Amino acid sequence: MDQYLDMAEHSFGFGTWNASFWLLGPEQGMSKDESEHDRRYAAWKKLGSRDLDDCVAFHREINDLRWHREKPKPQFTWTRLISSLIGYGATEIVDRRIYQRDHWGRHPGQGIESRTCVIELSGLAANNQHVDRNRSAFLASRIGMITANLRAYNPELLILYGRSASCKLAWNEMTSTVKDLGKCSNGATVRKVNETILAWTDHTNARGFGRSLAHWQMFGKELNDFRQRAA
């Protein structure tokens, strides 16, 4: 796994830091075929070893067009996070699948609107948390960079999803100087750092709440309510 250490350290996900909405998870998913990991690494290197890639360009490089073809397949995690943005009040989202295809985790320019920064605590994708990956080598520095960028860019909203130990470390680092604003009906903790509303919730794969688009949309609405009360 040592050949992937530069990606583990420097690859954060998709989009732009100067986005309104940040979606922070434990790691990117991928198929059970471990050869995909090699394709992902090669694509990342070919695209310039950047901290944030364009989601469409990256998936074209790994020849995975399911999420960005003319009639895109809904990506399970992304559509739930997009639902939370709909509930929050992102009026530019008319159709989840079209937003996923054209705007999710994009680089801005050439008519592309980019309001999402889709990032991960680990720079290496895996099919599940039990797959062998070097998740800890750069965790502290990655959390440090995300926290520094959070304060520098002041996004409107950050959703941290997942209850792993790394998620807990990130939450404590990002919000160590502030107190809770309260909890959402799904149990998510909500805090405010400068002008950013932050929420820590279960992963989209969690049983029960995590699987319902309607519940994620309600979650987003509750976050907007918190924002208005904290204004």
C-alpha atoms as a PDB file:
ATOM      1  CA  MET A   1       0.000   0.000   0.000  1.00  0.00           C
ATOM      2  CA  ASP A   2       3.006   2.298   0.297  1.00  0.00           C
ATOM      3  CA  GLN A   3       2.748   3.365  -3.348  1.00  0.00           C
ATOM      4  CA  TYR A   4      -0.559   5.042  -2.483  1.00  0.00           C
ATOM      5  CA  LEU A   5       0.761   7.147   0.405  1.00  0.00           C
ATOM      6  CA  ASP A   6       0.825  10.385  -1.590  1.00  0.00           C
ATOM      7  CA  MET A   7      -2.843   9.915  -2.476  1.00  0.00           C
ATOM      8  CA  ALA A   8      -3.625   9.000   1.128  1.00  0.00           C
ATOM      9  CA  GLU A   9      -2.097  12.289   2.226  1.00  0.00           C
ATOM     10  CA  HIS A  10      -3.154  14.731  -0.467  1.00  0.00           C
ATOM     11  CA  SER A  11      -6.412  13.569  -2.114  1.00  0.00           C
ATOM     12  CA  PHE A  12      -9.458  14.969  -0.297  1.00  0.00           C
ATOM     13  CA  GLY A  13     -12.294  14.414  -2.768  1.00  0.00           C
ATOM     14  CA  PHE A  14     -14.244  16.499  -5.262  1.00  0.00           C
ATOM     15  CA  GLY A  15     -15.351  20.074  -5.841  1.00  0.00           C
ATOM     16  CA  THR A  16     -13.883  23.308  -4.541  1.00  0.00           C
ATOM     17  CA  TRP A  17     -13.021  24.596  -1.073  1.00  0.00           C
ATOM     18  CA  ASN A  18     -14.820  27.825  -1.958  1.00  0.00           C
ATOM     19  CA  ALA A  19     -18.200  26.052  -1.917  1.00  0.00           C
ATOM     20  CA  SER A  20     -21.314  26.805   0.105  1.00  0.00           C
ATOM     21  CA  PHE A  21     -21.925  23.212   1.187  1.00  0.00           C
ATOM     22  CA  TRP A  22     -19.319  20.785   2.519  1.00  0.00           C
ATOM     23  CA  LEU A  23     -20.131  17.086   2.837  1.00  0.00           C
ATOM     24  CA  LEU A  24     -17.513  15.229   4.876  1.00  0.00           C
ATOM     25  CA  GLY A  25     -17.427  11.428   5.137  1.00  0.00           C
ATOM     26  CA  PRO A  26     -14.973   8.801   6.372  1.00  0.00           C
ATOM     27  CA  GLU A  27     -13.829   7.602   2.930  1.00  0.00           C
ATOM     28  CA  GLN A  28     -14.923   7.162  -0.673  1.00  0.00           C
ATOM     29  CA  GLY A  29     -16.633   3.931  -1.586  1.00  0.00           C
ATOM     30  CA  MET A  30     -15.674   1.634  -4.449  1.00  0.00           C
ATOM     31  CA  SER A  31     -16.411  -1.827  -5.808  1.00  0.00           C
ATOM     32  CA  LYS A  32     -15.065  -5.075  -4.352  1.00  0.00           C
ATOM     33  CA  ASP A  33     -12.628  -5.287  -7.272  1.00  0.00           C
ATOM     34  CA  GLU A  34      -9.323  -4.163  -5.782  1.00  0.00           C
ATOM     35  CA  SER A  35      -7.942  -3.379  -9.247  1.00  0.00           C
ATOM     36  CA  GLU A  36     -10.224  -0.335  -9.165  1.00  0.00           C
ATOM     37  CA  HIS A  37      -7.951   1.091  -6.498  1.00  0.00           C
ATOM     38  CA  ASP A  38      -5.091   1.084  -9.008  1.00  0.00           C
ATOM     39  CA  ARG A  39      -7.293   2.847 -11.579  1.00  0.00           C
ATOM     40  CA  ARG A  40      -8.263   5.468  -9.021  1.00  0.00           C
ATOM     41  CA  TYR A  41      -4.633   6.128  -8.160  1.00  0.00           C
ATOM     42  CA  ALA A  42      -3.656   6.373 -11.844  1.00  0.00           C
ATOM     43  CA  ALA A  43      -6.540   8.767 -12.524  1.00  0.00           C
ATOM     44  CA  TRP A  44      -5.611  10.965  -9.572  1.00  0.00           C
ATOM     45  CA  LYS A  45      -1.993  11.169 -10.795  1.00  0.00           C
ATOM     46  CA  LYS A  46      -3.053  11.869 -14.386  1.00  0.00           C
ATOM     47  CA  LEU A  47      -5.356  14.703 -13.287  1.00  0.00           C
ATOM     48  CA  GLY A  48      -2.506  16.404 -11.466  1.00  0.00           C
ATOM     49  CA  SER A  49      -2.435  14.917  -7.942  1.00  0.00           C
ATOM     50  CA  ARG A  50      -4.752  17.663  -6.722  1.00  0.00           C
ATOM     51  CA  ASP A  51      -6.384  17.968  -3.338  1.00  0.00           C
ATOM     52  CA  LEU A  52      -9.806  18.270  -4.995  1.00  0.00           C
ATOM     53  CA  ASP A  53     -10.715  16.783  -8.356  1.00  0.00           C
ATOM     54  CA  ASP A  54     -13.682  17.402 -10.606  1.00  0.00           C
ATOM     55  CA  CYS A  55     -16.092  14.528  -9.933  1.00  0.00           C
ATOM     56  CA  VAL A  56     -17.049  13.999 -13.577  1.00  0.00           C
ATOM     57  CA  ALA A  57     -13.478  14.144 -14.874  1.00  0.00           C
ATOM     58  CA  PHE A  58     -12.274  11.685 -12.250  1.00  0.00           C
ATOM     59  CA  HIS A  59     -14.986   9.115 -12.935  1.00  0.00           C
ATOM     60  CA  ARG A  60     -14.399   9.394 -16.656  1.00  0.00           C
ATOM     61  CA  GLU A  61     -10.742   8.576 -16.049  1.00  0.00           C
ATOM     62  CA  ILE A  62     -11.613   5.407 -14.120  1.00  0.00           C
ATOM     63  CA  ASN A  63     -14.232   4.527 -16.777  1.00  0.00           C
ATOM     64  CA  ASP A  64     -17.132   4.554 -14.327  1.00  0.00           C
ATOM     65  CA  LEU A  65     -19.905   6.463 -16.095  1.00  0.00           C
ATOM     66  CA  ARG A  66     -22.878   5.234 -14.052  1.00  0.00           C
ATOM     67  CA  TRP A  67     -23.322   8.464 -12.115  1.00  0.00           C
ATOM     68  CA  HIS A  68     -22.764  10.887 -15.015  1.00  0.00           C
ATOM     69  CA  ARG A  69     -24.341   9.342 -18.116  1.00  0.00           C
ATOM     70  CA  GLU A  70     -27.368  10.921 -19.827  1.00  0.00           C
ATOM     71  CA  LYS A  71     -29.718   9.030 -17.496  1.00  0.00           C
ATOM     72  CA  PRO A  72     -27.571   8.688 -14.398  1.00  0.00           C
ATOM     73  CA  LYS A  73     -27.939   5.942 -11.825  1.00  0.00           C
ATOM     74  CA  PRO A  74     -28.589   7.440  -8.367  1.00  0.00           C
ATOM     75  CA  GLN A  75     -25.511   7.028  -6.165  1.00  0.00           C
ATOM     76  CA  PHE A  76     -26.786   5.899  -2.778  1.00  0.00           C
ATOM     77  CA  THR A  77     -24.817   8.221  -0.485  1.00  0.00           C
ATOM     78  CA  TRP A  78     -24.817  11.220  -2.801  1.00  0.00           C
ATOM     79  CA  THR A  79     -28.587  11.236  -3.332  1.00  0.00           C
ATOM     80  CA  ARG A  80     -29.177  11.250   0.425  1.00  0.00           C
ATOM     81  CA  LEU A  81     -26.770  14.124   0.936  1.00  0.00           C
ATOM     82  CA  ILE A  82     -28.363  15.967  -1.992  1.00  0.00           C
ATOM     83  CA  SER A  83     -31.742  15.398  -0.328  1.00  0.00           C
ATOM     84  CA  SER A  84     -30.440  17.137   2.791  1.00  0.00           C
ATOM     85  CA  LEU A  85     -29.444  20.134   0.661  1.00  0.00           C
ATOM     86  CA  ILE A  86     -32.930  20.223  -0.873  1.00  0.00           C
ATOM     87  CA  GLY A  87     -34.412  20.313   2.617  1.00  0.00           C
ATOM     88  CA  TYR A  88     -31.925  22.948   3.647  1.00  0.00           C
ATOM     89  CA  GLY A  89     -33.166  25.208   0.868  1.00  0.00           C
ATOM     90  CA  ALA A  90     -30.763  24.784  -2.058  1.00  0.00           C
ATOM     91  CA  THR A  91     -33.282  25.963  -4.627  1.00  0.00           C
ATOM     92  CA  GLU A  92     -30.987  25.245  -7.580  1.00  0.00           C
ATOM     93  CA  ILE A  93     -31.585  21.501  -7.086  1.00  0.00           C
ATOM     94  CA  VAL A  94     -34.605  20.586  -9.204  1.00  0.00           C
ATOM     95  CA  ASP A  95     -33.835  16.900  -9.805  1.00  0.00           C
ATOM     96  CA  ARG A  96     -31.481  14.830  -7.621  1.00  0.00           C
ATOM     97  CA  ARG A  97     -30.067  12.743 -10.446  1.00  0.00           C
ATOM     98  CA  ILE A  98     -29.480  15.709 -12.756  1.00  0.00           C
ATOM     99  CA  TYR A  99     -27.793  17.620  -9.932  1.00  0.00           C
ATOM    100  CA  GLN A 100     -25.636  14.567  -9.220  1.00  0.00           C
ATOM    101  CA  ARG A 101     -24.696  14.316 -12.889  1.00  0.00           C
ATOM    102  CA  ASP A 102     -23.982  17.955 -13.631  1.00  0.00           C
ATOM    103  CA  HIS A 103     -23.100  19.782 -10.408  1.00  0.00           C
ATOM    104  CA  TRP A 104     -22.048  17.413  -7.616  1.00  0.00           C
ATOM    105  CA  GLY A 105     -18.400  17.897  -6.634  1.00  0.00           C
ATOM    106  CA  ARG A 106     -17.566  19.889  -9.749  1.00  0.00           C
ATOM    107  CA  HIS A 107     -14.883  22.409 -10.567  1.00  0.00           C
ATOM    108  CA  PRO A 108     -16.506  25.723 -11.531  1.00  0.00           C
ATOM    109  CA  GLY A 109     -16.334  27.210 -15.007  1.00  0.00           C
ATOM    110  CA  GLN A 110     -17.796  26.807 -18.508  1.00  0.00           C
ATOM    111  CA  GLY A 111     -21.318  27.187 -17.204  1.00  0.00           C
ATOM    112  CA  ILE A 112     -20.840  24.708 -14.360  1.00  0.00           C
ATOM    113  CA  GLU A 113     -22.126  25.816 -10.976  1.00  0.00           C
ATOM    114  CA  SER A 114     -20.170  24.323  -8.081  1.00  0.00           C
ATOM    115  CA  ARG A 115     -21.629  24.744  -4.597  1.00  0.00           C
ATOM    116  CA  THR A 116     -20.487  21.417  -3.139  1.00  0.00           C
ATOM    117  CA  CYS A 117     -17.207  20.321  -1.589  1.00  0.00           C
ATOM    118  CA  VAL A 118     -17.408  16.519  -1.245  1.00  0.00           C
ATOM    119  CA  ILE A 119     -14.506  15.441   0.961  1.00  0.00           C
ATOM    120  CA  GLU A 120     -13.288  12.479   3.005  1.00  0.00           C
ATOM    121  CA  LEU A 121     -11.200  11.910   6.103  1.00  0.00           C
ATOM    122  CA  SER A 122      -9.281   9.137   4.321  1.00  0.00           C
ATOM    123  CA  GLY A 123      -7.721   9.735   0.921  1.00  0.00           C
ATOM    124  CA  LEU A 124      -8.106   6.084  -0.120  1.00  0.00           C
ATOM    125  CA  ALA A 125     -11.374   4.543  -1.301  1.00  0.00           C
ATOM    126  CA  ALA A 126     -12.581   1.158  -0.047  1.00  0.00           C
ATOM    127  CA  ASN A 127     -15.611  -1.072  -0.475  1.00  0.00           C
ATOM    128  CA  ASN A 128     -16.167  -1.044   3.293  1.00  0.00           C
ATOM    129  CA  GLN A 129     -14.398  -0.137   6.539  1.00  0.00           C
ATOM    130  CA  HIS A 130     -13.032  -3.661   6.963  1.00  0.00           C
ATOM    131  CA  VAL A 131     -10.936  -3.505   3.778  1.00  0.00           C
ATOM    132  CA  ASP A 132      -7.220  -3.036   4.490  1.00  0.00           C
ATOM    133  CA  ARG A 133      -6.246   0.609   3.975  1.00  0.00           C
ATOM    134  CA  ASN A 134      -3.731   2.928   5.605  1.00  0.00           C
ATOM    135  CA  ARG A 135      -6.353   5.188   7.163  1.00  0.00           C
ATOM    136  CA  SER A 136      -4.359   6.508  10.098  1.00  0.00           C
ATOM    137  CA  ALA A 137      -1.021   7.612   8.612  1.00  0.00           C
ATOM    138  CA  PHE A 138      -2.168  11.130   7.702  1.00  0.00           C
ATOM    139  CA  LEU A 139      -5.432  11.422   9.620  1.00  0.00           C
ATOM    140  CA  ALA A 140      -4.223  14.149  11.981  1.00  0.00           C
ATOM    141  CA  SER A 141      -2.757  16.305   9.202  1.00  0.00           C
ATOM    142  CA  ARG A 142      -5.844  15.822   7.023  1.00  0.00           C
ATOM    143  CA  ILE A 143      -8.160  16.860   9.841  1.00  0.00           C
ATOM    144  CA  GLY A 144      -5.862  19.826  10.445  1.00  0.00           C
ATOM    145  CA  MET A 145      -6.099  20.942   6.820  1.00  0.00           C
ATOM    146  CA  ILE A 146      -9.886  20.525   6.703  1.00  0.00           C
ATOM    147  CA  THR A 147     -10.210  22.526   9.930  1.00  0.00           C
ATOM    148  CA  ALA A 148      -7.913  25.286   8.645  1.00  0.00           C
ATOM    149  CA  ASN A 149      -9.829  25.491   5.368  1.00  0.00           C
ATOM    150  CA  LEU A 150     -13.125  25.528   7.258  1.00  0.00           C
ATOM    151  CA  ARG A 151     -12.019  28.663   9.064  1.00  0.00           C
ATOM    152  CA  ALA A 152     -10.509  30.219   5.947  1.00  0.00           C
ATOM    153  CA  TYR A 153     -13.453  29.640   3.597  1.00  0.00           C
ATOM    154  CA  ASN A 154     -16.414  29.776   6.029  1.00  0.00           C
ATOM    155  CA  PRO A 155     -18.857  27.579   4.091  1.00  0.00           C
ATOM    156  CA  GLU A 156     -22.528  27.992   4.868  1.00  0.00           C
ATOM    157  CA  LEU A 157     -23.019  24.365   5.923  1.00  0.00           C
ATOM    158  CA  LEU A 158     -20.880  21.333   6.781  1.00  0.00           C
ATOM    159  CA  ILE A 159     -22.381  17.883   7.282  1.00  0.00           C
ATOM    160  CA  LEU A 160     -20.122  15.233   8.814  1.00  0.00           C
ATOM    161  CA  TYR A 161     -21.676  11.792   8.316  1.00  0.00           C
ATOM    162  CA  GLY A 162     -20.422   8.641  10.024  1.00  0.00           C
ATOM    163  CA  ARG A 163     -19.786   7.590  13.611  1.00  0.00           C
ATOM    164  CA  SER A 164     -16.281   6.157  13.287  1.00  0.00           C
ATOM    165  CA  ALA A 165     -13.451   7.081  15.631  1.00  0.00           C
ATOM    166  CA  SER A 166     -11.941   9.238  12.876  1.00  0.00           C
ATOM    167  CA  CYS A 167     -15.243  11.128  12.510  1.00  0.00           C
ATOM    168  CA  LYS A 168     -15.265  11.784  16.255  1.00  0.00           C
ATOM    169  CA  LEU A 169     -11.702  13.124  16.092  1.00  0.00           C
ATOM    170  CA  ALA A 170     -12.626  15.414  13.200  1.00  0.00           C
ATOM    171  CA  TRP A 171     -15.746  16.703  14.945  1.00  0.00           C
ATOM    172  CA  ASN A 172     -13.852  17.493  18.140  1.00  0.00           C
ATOM    173  CA  GLU A 173     -11.084  19.268  16.223  1.00  0.00           C
ATOM    174  CA  MET A 174     -13.412  21.348  14.049  1.00  0.00           C
ATOM    175  CA  THR A 175     -15.752  22.380  16.872  1.00  0.00           C
ATOM    176  CA  SER A 176     -13.545  22.338  19.976  1.00  0.00           C
ATOM    177  CA  THR A 177     -14.138  25.989  20.833  1.00  0.00           C
ATOM    178  CA  VAL A 178     -17.943  26.090  20.510  1.00  0.00           C
ATOM    179  CA  LYS A 179     -20.963  24.607  22.245  1.00  0.00           C
ATOM    180  CA  ASP A 180     -23.926  22.669  20.897  1.00  0.00           C
ATOM    181  CA  LEU A 181     -26.827  24.566  19.368  1.00  0.00           C
ATOM    182  CA  GLY A 182     -28.968  21.478  19.887  1.00  0.00           C
ATOM    183  CA  LYS A 183     -29.881  18.201  18.210  1.00  0.00           C
ATOM    184  CA  CYS A 184     -31.951  17.289  15.181  1.00  0.00           C
ATOM    185  CA  SER A 185     -34.730  14.707  15.342  1.00  0.00           C
ATOM    186  CA  ASN A 186     -32.320  12.092  13.948  1.00  0.00           C
ATOM    187  CA  GLY A 187     -29.908  12.652  16.851  1.00  0.00           C
ATOM    188  CA  ALA A 188     -27.430  14.779  14.885  1.00  0.00           C
ATOM    189  CA  THR A 189     -25.482  17.294  16.952  1.00  0.00           C
ATOM    190  CA  VAL A 190     -25.458  20.848  15.580  1.00  0.00           C
ATOM    191  CA  ARG A 191     -22.872  23.535  16.290  1.00  0.00           C
ATOM    192  CA  LYS A 192     -21.813  26.839  14.724  1.00  0.00           C
ATOM    193  CA  VAL A 193     -18.225  27.866  13.958  1.00  0.00           C
ATOM    194  CA  ASN A 194     -17.961  31.454  12.762  1.00  0.00           C
ATOM    195  CA  GLU A 195     -20.622  31.609  10.028  1.00  0.00           C
ATOM    196  CA  THR A 196     -20.777  27.855   9.387  1.00  0.00           C
ATOM    197  CA  ILE A 197     -23.503  25.525  10.657  1.00  0.00           C
ATOM    198  CA  LEU A 198     -21.968  22.097  11.335  1.00  0.00           C
ATOM    199  CA  ALA A 199     -23.873  18.869  11.905  1.00  0.00           C
ATOM    200  CA  TRP A 200     -22.566  15.427  12.876  1.00  0.00           C
ATOM    201  CA  THR A 201     -24.933  12.626  11.923  1.00  0.00           C
ATOM    202  CA  ASP A 202     -25.073   8.916  11.154  1.00  0.00           C
ATOM    203  CA  HIS A 203     -23.710   7.584   7.885  1.00  0.00           C
ATOM    204  CA  THR A 204     -26.091   7.299   4.957  1.00  0.00           C
ATOM    205  CA  ASN A 205     -25.639   3.516   5.210  1.00  0.00           C
ATOM    206  CA  ALA A 206     -26.875   3.410   8.798  1.00  0.00           C
ATOM    207  CA  ARG A 207     -29.962   1.312   9.368  1.00  0.00           C
ATOM    208  CA  GLY A 208     -33.295   3.043   9.705  1.00  0.00           C
ATOM    209  CA  PHE A 209     -32.985   6.803   9.270  1.00  0.00           C
ATOM    210  CA  GLY A 210     -29.993   6.658   6.965  1.00  0.00           C
ATOM    211  CA  ARG A 211     -31.790   4.884   4.133  1.00  0.00           C
ATOM    212  CA  SER A 212     -34.725   7.254   3.635  1.00  0.00           C
ATOM    213  CA  LEU A 213     -34.537  10.183   1.218  1.00  0.00           C
ATOM    214  CA  ALA A 214     -37.459  11.837   3.003  1.00  0.00           C
ATOM    215  CA  HIS A 215     -35.679  11.677   6.355  1.00  0.00           C
ATOM    216  CA  TRP A 216     -32.536  13.227   4.893  1.00  0.00           C
ATOM    217  CA  GLN A 217     -34.622  16.018   3.402  1.00  0.00           C
ATOM    218  CA  MET A 218     -36.243  16.632   6.801  1.00  0.00           C
ATOM    219  CA  PHE A 219     -32.770  16.661   8.357  1.00  0.00           C
ATOM    220  CA  GLY A 220     -31.764  19.434   5.953  1.00  0.00           C
ATOM    221  CA  LYS A 221     -34.861  21.452   6.827  1.00  0.00           C
ATOM    222  CA  GLU A 222     -34.024  21.193  10.528  1.00  0.00           C
ATOM    223  CA  LEU A 223     -30.492  22.419   9.825  1.00  0.00           C
ATOM    224  CA  ASN A 224     -31.918  25.450   8.064  1.00  0.00           C
ATOM    225  CA  ASP A 225     -34.120  26.087  11.096  1.00  0.00           C
ATOM    226  CA  PHE A 226     -31.011  26.005  13.301  1.00  0.00           C
ATOM    227  CA  ARG A 227     -29.268  28.440  10.983  1.00  0.00           C
ATOM    228  CA  GLN A 228     -32.107  30.918  11.105  1.00  0.00           C
ATOM    229  CA  ARG A 229     -32.326  30.760  14.896  1.00  0.00           C
ATOM    230  CA  ALA A 230     -28.546  31.222  15.223  1.00  0.00           C
ATOM    231  CA  ALA A 231     -28.405  34.211  12.848  1.00  0.00           C
END
